[in-house]
Amino acid sequence: MSFQEVKELMEFFESSSIRELNLSMESLSLYLSKNEQVTQLPVNQQSISEDSSSTNLDVLSKQPIMADSKESQESDVTPVKSDSKTVDAPIVGVVYTSNEPGAAPFKQVGDKVEIGDTLCIIEAMKIMNDVKSDQPGTITEVLIKNEDVVEYGQPLFTII
């Protein structure tokens, strides 16, 4: 893999919604992460060139590669009040806040919820999965928008 290909891969990674990428090839091992907490792993410095005619560049170092974007760091941090609980995504997929396009959302800020109430639907591999409330209370925050792509464990709603 040439330096230009690695650079293009890093640019694609930065502009995508992918949070982590771990690539291992014969003479290359590359780990990219947008997460704030990164465990540093010992890495041998290697050439990224697969053929001997390319320039040897030390791409891997002992420092992790991280996205240095204030926007992504600020958007990932959601303060949660101590007396409130979040309802998190049980799977990765596309979230729908209503039963059909144009319909009213299942739940909005201020709505009362009971255990078992449907809060939203997450589509994964063409299967619709209801996300139900596991506690009674009142919706204080809706942390997603219709048709957002959500990650496993991502907070969706805050309930008091």
Protein backbone atom coordinates (compact mmCIF):
# COMPACT_ATOMS: atom_id res chain seq x y z
CA MET A 1 0.00 0.00 0.00
CA SER A 2 1.50 3.34 -1.00
CA PHE A 3 1.68 6.45 1.14
CA GLN A 4 -0.91 8.14 -1.12
CA GLU A 5 -3.33 5.24 -0.60
CA VAL A 6 -2.89 5.47 3.18
CA LYS A 7 -3.46 9.22 3.00
CA GLU A 8 -6.66 8.72 0.96
CA LEU A 9 -7.83 6.06 3.42
CA MET A 10 -7.27 8.47 6.32
CA GLU A 11 -9.17 11.26 4.53
CA PHE A 12 -12.07 8.89 3.81
CA PHE A 13 -12.06 7.74 7.45
CA GLU A 14 -12.11 11.34 8.71
CA SER A 15 -15.12 12.27 6.54
CA SER A 16 -17.09 9.09 7.28
CA SER A 17 -19.22 8.11 10.28
CA ILE A 18 -16.92 5.17 11.02
CA ARG A 19 -15.57 5.40 14.60
CA GLU A 20 -12.71 2.86 14.40
CA LEU A 21 -10.71 1.16 11.68
CA ASN A 22 -8.14 -1.60 12.14
CA LEU A 23 -6.34 -2.66 8.95
CA SER A 24 -3.69 -5.41 8.87
CA MET A 25 -1.80 -6.44 5.77
CA GLU A 26 1.48 -8.31 5.22
CA SER A 27 3.80 -5.38 5.94
CA LEU A 28 1.27 -2.89 7.31
CA SER A 29 -0.79 -2.55 10.44
CA LEU A 30 -2.93 0.58 10.75
CA TYR A 31 -5.35 1.55 13.52
CA LEU A 32 -7.50 4.71 13.26
CA SER A 33 -9.94 5.86 15.92
CA LYS A 34 -12.22 8.85 16.49
CA ASN A 35 -12.89 7.82 20.09
CA GLU A 36 -11.62 10.12 22.82
CA GLN A 37 -10.07 7.39 24.99
CA VAL A 38 -7.47 5.34 23.13
CA THR A 39 -5.38 2.60 24.67
CA GLN A 40 -1.85 2.86 23.39
CA LEU A 41 -0.58 -0.41 21.96
CA PRO A 42 3.10 -1.05 21.30
CA VAL A 43 3.64 -0.91 17.55
CA ASN A 44 6.75 -1.63 15.54
CA GLN A 45 7.63 1.04 13.04
CA GLN A 46 7.33 -0.41 9.57
CA SER A 47 7.43 0.69 6.01
CA ILE A 48 4.04 1.01 4.37
CA SER A 49 5.46 0.15 0.98
CA GLU A 50 4.69 -3.33 -0.32
CA ASP A 51 7.16 -3.06 -3.17
CA SER A 52 10.80 -2.06 -2.85
CA SER A 53 10.54 0.75 -5.44
CA SER A 54 8.33 2.93 -3.22
CA THR A 55 9.70 5.37 -0.70
CA ASN A 56 9.93 3.98 2.84
CA LEU A 57 7.82 6.08 5.17
CA ASP A 58 7.28 5.44 8.85
CA VAL A 59 3.52 5.84 9.13
CA LEU A 60 3.09 3.88 12.30
CA SER A 61 4.45 5.41 15.44
CA LYS A 62 4.03 4.84 19.13
CA GLN A 63 1.35 7.55 19.27
CA PRO A 64 -2.24 6.66 18.34
CA ILE A 65 -3.82 8.39 15.37
CA MET A 66 -6.84 10.41 16.46
CA ALA A 67 -9.24 12.82 14.83
CA ASP A 68 -8.43 16.27 16.18
CA SER A 69 -11.81 17.82 15.57
CA LYS A 70 -13.43 19.94 18.26
CA GLU A 71 -16.80 19.48 16.56
CA SER A 72 -16.74 15.69 16.84
CA GLN A 73 -15.52 15.80 20.44
CA GLU A 74 -18.19 18.30 21.48
CA SER A 75 -21.02 16.43 19.76
CA ASP A 76 -20.07 13.13 21.44
CA VAL A 77 -20.40 14.54 24.95
CA THR A 78 -23.98 14.70 26.21
CA PRO A 79 -24.40 15.81 29.81
CA VAL A 80 -26.90 13.66 31.68
CA LYS A 81 -28.59 14.78 34.89
CA SER A 82 -27.95 12.49 37.84
CA ASP A 83 -31.65 11.71 38.36
CA SER A 84 -32.25 10.88 34.70
CA LYS A 85 -31.52 7.73 32.74
CA THR A 86 -30.86 7.22 29.07
CA VAL A 87 -32.40 4.71 26.70
CA ASP A 88 -29.56 3.43 24.53
CA ALA A 89 -29.56 1.85 21.08
CA PRO A 90 -29.58 -1.96 21.41
CA ILE A 91 -28.19 -2.40 17.88
CA VAL A 92 -26.55 -0.50 15.02
CA GLY A 93 -28.96 0.75 12.38
CA VAL A 94 -31.19 3.52 11.05
CA VAL A 95 -33.57 5.01 13.61
CA TYR A 96 -37.16 5.96 12.79
CA THR A 97 -39.07 8.16 15.24
CA SER A 98 -42.49 7.35 13.79
CA ASN A 99 -44.34 4.33 12.45
CA GLU A 100 -44.45 5.69 8.89
CA PRO A 101 -43.13 8.72 6.98
CA GLY A 102 -45.06 11.88 7.84
CA ALA A 103 -46.69 10.40 10.94
CA ALA A 104 -46.31 11.91 14.40
CA PRO A 105 -43.29 10.68 16.39
CA PHE A 106 -43.83 7.86 18.89
CA LYS A 107 -42.59 10.07 21.75
CA GLN A 108 -41.51 13.71 22.09
CA VAL A 109 -40.01 15.82 24.87
CA GLY A 110 -42.52 16.08 27.71
CA ASP A 111 -44.38 12.85 26.88
CA LYS A 112 -45.05 10.40 29.70
CA VAL A 113 -43.79 6.86 29.13
CA GLU A 114 -44.53 3.55 30.79
CA ILE A 115 -42.47 0.37 30.75
CA GLY A 116 -42.90 -1.27 27.34
CA ASP A 117 -43.90 1.88 25.42
CA THR A 118 -42.32 2.05 21.95
CA LEU A 119 -39.95 5.03 21.72
CA CYS A 120 -38.60 4.50 18.20
CA ILE A 121 -37.73 1.82 15.65
CA ILE A 122 -34.23 0.84 14.55
CA GLU A 123 -33.89 -0.84 11.16
CA ALA A 124 -30.99 -3.27 10.86
CA MET A 125 -30.59 -5.48 7.79
CA LYS A 126 -34.18 -4.76 6.67
CA ILE A 127 -35.56 -5.90 10.04
CA MET A 128 -37.52 -3.39 12.11
CA ASN A 129 -36.71 -3.52 15.84
CA ASP A 130 -38.88 -1.64 18.34
CA VAL A 131 -36.96 0.22 21.05
CA LYS A 132 -39.14 0.11 24.15
CA SER A 133 -38.89 1.99 27.42
CA ASP A 134 -37.51 -0.06 30.29
CA GLN A 135 -38.64 2.48 32.90
CA PRO A 136 -41.57 4.80 33.55
CA GLY A 137 -41.09 8.57 33.49
CA THR A 138 -41.10 11.64 31.28
CA ILE A 139 -39.02 12.19 28.14
CA THR A 140 -36.68 15.13 28.81
CA GLU A 141 -34.48 14.84 25.71
CA VAL A 142 -34.70 13.23 22.29
CA LEU A 143 -31.05 12.78 21.30
CA ILE A 144 -31.68 11.50 17.76
CA LYS A 145 -33.44 12.66 14.61
CA ASN A 146 -35.53 10.60 12.23
CA GLU A 147 -33.37 8.48 9.90
CA ASP A 148 -30.14 9.01 11.89
CA VAL A 149 -27.67 6.14 11.80
CA VAL A 150 -27.05 5.04 15.38
CA GLU A 151 -24.31 2.97 16.98
CA TYR A 152 -24.74 0.23 19.56
CA GLY A 153 -25.03 1.82 23.01
CA GLN A 154 -25.63 5.34 21.67
CA PRO A 155 -28.03 7.31 23.91
CA LEU A 156 -31.39 7.89 22.17
CA PHE A 157 -33.66 9.37 24.85
CA THR A 158 -33.28 10.79 28.35
CA ILE A 159 -36.04 9.94 30.83
CA ILE A 160 -36.64 11.36 34.31
